[in-house]
Amino acid sequence: MNAGDGLFFYKKDNETYRILGLVGSFGFTTAGAMAGGYFLGSYIDKKLNTAPWFMLSFIMLGIAGSFIEFFKLIKKLSRENDR
């Protein structure tokens, strides 16, 4: 076992933790997008007296946006893994 072998595992562990952190942030992204959609939609619904249509629409847009960002992240990680 060489001194360089330990460094290889250290770099691999750091990469694994980075990927887990990025993928794990999906829940926070989704929750933030849903909360933002809820508050913005509720505000517009109160102003226009259209409850609950804007709130539901913005929550759905937030969910869709977070999934789009998640798939972009997966695509990026896949490209990095292929190198």
N, C-alpha and C. Protein backbone atom coordinates (compact mmCIF):
# COMPACT_ATOMS: atom_id res chain seq x y z
N MET A 1 0.85 -1.18 0.00
CA MET A 1 0.00 0.00 0.00
C MET A 1 0.90 1.24 0.00
N ASN A 2 0.68 2.09 -0.93
CA ASN A 2 1.47 3.32 -1.06
C ASN A 2 0.78 4.48 -0.37
N ALA A 3 1.53 5.52 -0.15
CA ALA A 3 0.96 6.72 0.47
C ALA A 3 -0.11 7.35 -0.43
N GLY A 4 0.03 7.19 -1.73
CA GLY A 4 -0.92 7.76 -2.68
C GLY A 4 -2.26 7.05 -2.68
N ASP A 5 -2.30 5.80 -2.21
CA ASP A 5 -3.56 5.05 -2.20
C ASP A 5 -4.59 5.70 -1.28
N GLY A 6 -4.15 6.15 -0.13
CA GLY A 6 -5.07 6.80 0.79
C GLY A 6 -5.64 8.08 0.22
N LEU A 7 -4.83 8.80 -0.54
CA LEU A 7 -5.29 10.04 -1.16
C LEU A 7 -6.37 9.76 -2.19
N PHE A 8 -6.25 8.64 -2.91
CA PHE A 8 -7.27 8.28 -3.91
C PHE A 8 -8.62 8.07 -3.23
N PHE A 9 -8.65 7.35 -2.12
CA PHE A 9 -9.91 7.11 -1.43
C PHE A 9 -10.46 8.40 -0.84
N TYR A 10 -9.59 9.25 -0.37
CA TYR A 10 -10.02 10.52 0.19
C TYR A 10 -10.72 11.36 -0.87
N LYS A 11 -10.15 11.44 -2.07
CA LYS A 11 -10.77 12.21 -3.15
C LYS A 11 -12.10 11.59 -3.54
N LYS A 12 -12.16 10.27 -3.60
CA LYS A 12 -13.40 9.60 -3.99
C LYS A 12 -14.49 9.85 -2.94
N ASP A 13 -14.14 9.80 -1.66
CA ASP A 13 -15.11 10.07 -0.60
C ASP A 13 -15.64 11.50 -0.70
N ASN A 14 -14.76 12.46 -0.95
CA ASN A 14 -15.20 13.84 -1.09
C ASN A 14 -16.18 13.99 -2.25
N GLU A 15 -15.90 13.33 -3.36
CA GLU A 15 -16.79 13.40 -4.52
C GLU A 15 -18.14 12.77 -4.20
N THR A 16 -18.12 11.66 -3.48
CA THR A 16 -19.37 11.00 -3.09
C THR A 16 -20.21 11.91 -2.21
N TYR A 17 -19.56 12.55 -1.25
CA TYR A 17 -20.29 13.45 -0.35
C TYR A 17 -20.83 14.66 -1.11
N ARG A 18 -20.09 15.14 -2.07
CA ARG A 18 -20.55 16.28 -2.87
C ARG A 18 -21.79 15.90 -3.66
N ILE A 19 -21.77 14.73 -4.28
CA ILE A 19 -22.92 14.28 -5.06
C ILE A 19 -24.12 14.04 -4.16
N LEU A 20 -23.92 13.41 -3.02
CA LEU A 20 -25.02 13.18 -2.08
C LEU A 20 -25.61 14.50 -1.60
N GLY A 21 -24.77 15.49 -1.36
CA GLY A 21 -25.26 16.79 -0.94
C GLY A 21 -26.09 17.47 -2.01
N LEU A 22 -25.62 17.37 -3.25
CA LEU A 22 -26.37 18.00 -4.35
C LEU A 22 -27.72 17.32 -4.55
N VAL A 23 -27.73 16.00 -4.55
CA VAL A 23 -28.98 15.27 -4.75
C VAL A 23 -29.88 15.44 -3.52
N GLY A 24 -29.29 15.47 -2.34
CA GLY A 24 -30.07 15.65 -1.12
C GLY A 24 -30.73 17.01 -1.02
N SER A 25 -30.18 17.98 -1.71
CA SER A 25 -30.77 19.32 -1.67
C SER A 25 -32.07 19.40 -2.45
N PHE A 26 -32.42 18.35 -3.18
CA PHE A 26 -33.66 18.34 -3.95
C PHE A 26 -34.88 18.60 -3.05
N GLY A 27 -34.90 18.01 -1.87
CA GLY A 27 -36.02 18.20 -0.95
C GLY A 27 -36.17 19.65 -0.52
N PHE A 28 -35.04 20.30 -0.23
CA PHE A 28 -35.09 21.70 0.16
C PHE A 28 -35.53 22.59 -1.01
N THR A 29 -35.06 22.25 -2.20
CA THR A 29 -35.46 23.01 -3.39
C THR A 29 -36.96 22.89 -3.63
N THR A 30 -37.47 21.67 -3.53
CA THR A 30 -38.90 21.44 -3.74
C THR A 30 -39.74 22.15 -2.68
N ALA A 31 -39.32 22.02 -1.43
CA ALA A 31 -40.06 22.67 -0.34
C ALA A 31 -40.05 24.19 -0.50
N GLY A 32 -38.91 24.75 -0.86
CA GLY A 32 -38.82 26.19 -1.07
C GLY A 32 -39.68 26.67 -2.22
N ALA A 33 -39.67 25.90 -3.30
CA ALA A 33 -40.49 26.27 -4.46
C ALA A 33 -41.97 26.18 -4.13
N MET A 34 -42.36 25.16 -3.39
CA MET A 34 -43.77 25.02 -3.01
C MET A 34 -44.19 26.14 -2.05
N ALA A 35 -43.33 26.46 -1.08
CA ALA A 35 -43.65 27.53 -0.13
C ALA A 35 -43.75 28.86 -0.85
N GLY A 36 -42.81 29.12 -1.76
CA GLY A 36 -42.86 30.36 -2.53
C GLY A 36 -44.13 30.44 -3.36
N GLY A 37 -44.50 29.33 -4.01
CA GLY A 37 -45.73 29.29 -4.79
C GLY A 37 -46.96 29.51 -3.94
N TYR A 38 -46.95 28.91 -2.75
CA TYR A 38 -48.08 29.08 -1.84
C TYR A 38 -48.26 30.54 -1.43
N PHE A 39 -47.17 31.17 -0.97
CA PHE A 39 -47.28 32.54 -0.48
C PHE A 39 -47.58 33.53 -1.60
N LEU A 40 -46.92 33.37 -2.73
CA LEU A 40 -47.18 34.27 -3.86
C LEU A 40 -48.60 34.08 -4.38
N GLY A 41 -49.01 32.83 -4.53
CA GLY A 41 -50.37 32.55 -5.02
C GLY A 41 -51.44 33.04 -4.05
N SER A 42 -51.22 32.85 -2.77
CA SER A 42 -52.18 33.32 -1.76
C SER A 42 -52.31 34.84 -1.80
N TYR A 43 -51.17 35.50 -1.95
CA TYR A 43 -51.19 36.97 -2.01
C TYR A 43 -51.99 37.45 -3.22
N ILE A 44 -51.75 36.85 -4.37
CA ILE A 44 -52.47 37.25 -5.59
C ILE A 44 -53.95 36.90 -5.46
N ASP A 45 -54.25 35.72 -4.89
CA ASP A 45 -55.65 35.33 -4.71
C ASP A 45 -56.39 36.32 -3.81
N LYS A 46 -55.74 36.80 -2.76
CA LYS A 46 -56.38 37.77 -1.87
C LYS A 46 -56.63 39.09 -2.58
N LYS A 47 -55.66 39.51 -3.40
CA LYS A 47 -55.81 40.78 -4.13
C LYS A 47 -56.91 40.70 -5.19
N LEU A 48 -57.00 39.55 -5.88
CA LEU A 48 -57.94 39.42 -6.98
C LEU A 48 -59.21 38.65 -6.61
N ASN A 49 -59.27 38.15 -5.36
CA ASN A 49 -60.41 37.39 -4.88
C ASN A 49 -60.69 36.17 -5.78
N THR A 50 -59.65 35.40 -6.04
CA THR A 50 -59.76 34.24 -6.94
C THR A 50 -59.34 32.93 -6.25
N ALA A 51 -59.39 32.91 -4.92
CA ALA A 51 -58.90 31.74 -4.18
C ALA A 51 -59.56 30.46 -4.68
N PRO A 52 -58.86 29.40 -4.76
CA PRO A 52 -57.45 29.07 -4.53
C PRO A 52 -56.66 28.90 -5.82
N TRP A 53 -57.13 29.47 -6.91
CA TRP A 53 -56.59 29.13 -8.23
C TRP A 53 -55.14 29.56 -8.45
N PHE A 54 -54.79 30.77 -8.09
CA PHE A 54 -53.39 31.19 -8.27
C PHE A 54 -52.46 30.43 -7.33
N MET A 55 -52.93 30.19 -6.10
CA MET A 55 -52.11 29.44 -5.15
C MET A 55 -51.80 28.04 -5.69
N LEU A 56 -52.81 27.34 -6.14
CA LEU A 56 -52.59 25.99 -6.69
C LEU A 56 -51.71 26.02 -7.93
N SER A 57 -51.94 27.01 -8.78
CA SER A 57 -51.15 27.12 -10.00
C SER A 57 -49.68 27.35 -9.70
N PHE A 58 -49.40 28.26 -8.77
CA PHE A 58 -48.00 28.56 -8.44
C PHE A 58 -47.32 27.41 -7.69
N ILE A 59 -48.07 26.68 -6.88
CA ILE A 59 -47.49 25.51 -6.22
C ILE A 59 -47.11 24.47 -7.28
N MET A 60 -47.99 24.24 -8.25
CA MET A 60 -47.69 23.28 -9.33
C MET A 60 -46.49 23.75 -10.16
N LEU A 61 -46.42 25.04 -10.44
CA LEU A 61 -45.27 25.56 -11.17
C LEU A 61 -43.98 25.39 -10.38
N GLY A 62 -44.06 25.59 -9.07
CA GLY A 62 -42.89 25.39 -8.22
C GLY A 62 -42.42 23.95 -8.22
N ILE A 63 -43.36 23.01 -8.14
CA ILE A 63 -43.00 21.59 -8.18
C ILE A 63 -42.38 21.24 -9.53
N ALA A 64 -43.00 21.70 -10.60
CA ALA A 64 -42.47 21.42 -11.94
C ALA A 64 -41.07 22.01 -12.10
N GLY A 65 -40.88 23.23 -11.63
CA GLY A 65 -39.57 23.88 -11.72
C GLY A 65 -38.51 23.14 -10.93
N SER A 66 -38.86 22.65 -9.76
CA SER A 66 -37.87 21.93 -8.95
C SER A 66 -37.50 20.60 -9.60
N PHE A 67 -38.46 19.93 -10.24
CA PHE A 67 -38.14 18.68 -10.94
C PHE A 67 -37.26 18.95 -12.16
N ILE A 68 -37.53 20.04 -12.86
CA ILE A 68 -36.68 20.40 -14.01
C ILE A 68 -35.25 20.63 -13.54
N GLU A 69 -35.08 21.37 -12.45
CA GLU A 69 -33.74 21.61 -11.91
C GLU A 69 -33.08 20.31 -11.45
N PHE A 70 -33.87 19.41 -10.86
CA PHE A 70 -33.33 18.12 -10.42
C PHE A 70 -32.82 17.32 -11.62
N PHE A 71 -33.59 17.28 -12.71
CA PHE A 71 -33.15 16.53 -13.89
C PHE A 71 -31.93 17.18 -14.54
N LYS A 72 -31.84 18.50 -14.50
CA LYS A 72 -30.62 19.17 -15.00
C LYS A 72 -29.42 18.77 -14.16
N LEU A 73 -29.59 18.68 -12.86
CA LEU A 73 -28.51 18.28 -11.97
C LEU A 73 -28.08 16.84 -12.25
N ILE A 74 -29.04 15.95 -12.42
CA ILE A 74 -28.72 14.55 -12.72
C ILE A 74 -27.99 14.46 -14.05
N LYS A 75 -28.42 15.21 -15.03
CA LYS A 75 -27.75 15.21 -16.33
C LYS A 75 -26.32 15.71 -16.21
N LYS A 76 -26.11 16.76 -15.43
CA LYS A 76 -24.77 17.31 -15.22
C LYS A 76 -23.87 16.29 -14.52
N LEU A 77 -24.38 15.66 -13.47
CA LEU A 77 -23.60 14.67 -12.75
C LEU A 77 -23.29 13.46 -13.62
N SER A 78 -24.23 13.10 -14.48
CA SER A 78 -24.00 11.98 -15.39
C SER A 78 -22.88 12.31 -16.38
N ARG A 79 -22.88 13.55 -16.90
CA ARG A 79 -21.82 13.97 -17.82
C ARG A 79 -20.47 13.99 -17.12
N GLU A 80 -20.43 14.46 -15.87
CA GLU A 80 -19.17 14.49 -15.12
C GLU A 80 -18.67 13.08 -14.84
N ASN A 81 -19.60 12.16 -14.62
CA ASN A 81 -19.23 10.78 -14.33
C ASN A 81 -18.67 10.07 -15.56
N ASP A 82 -19.12 10.48 -16.74
CA ASP A 82 -18.64 9.87 -17.98
C ASP A 82 -17.21 10.26 -18.32
N ARG A 83 -16.74 11.36 -17.79
CA ARG A 83 -15.38 11.83 -18.10
C ARG A 83 -14.33 10.96 -17.53
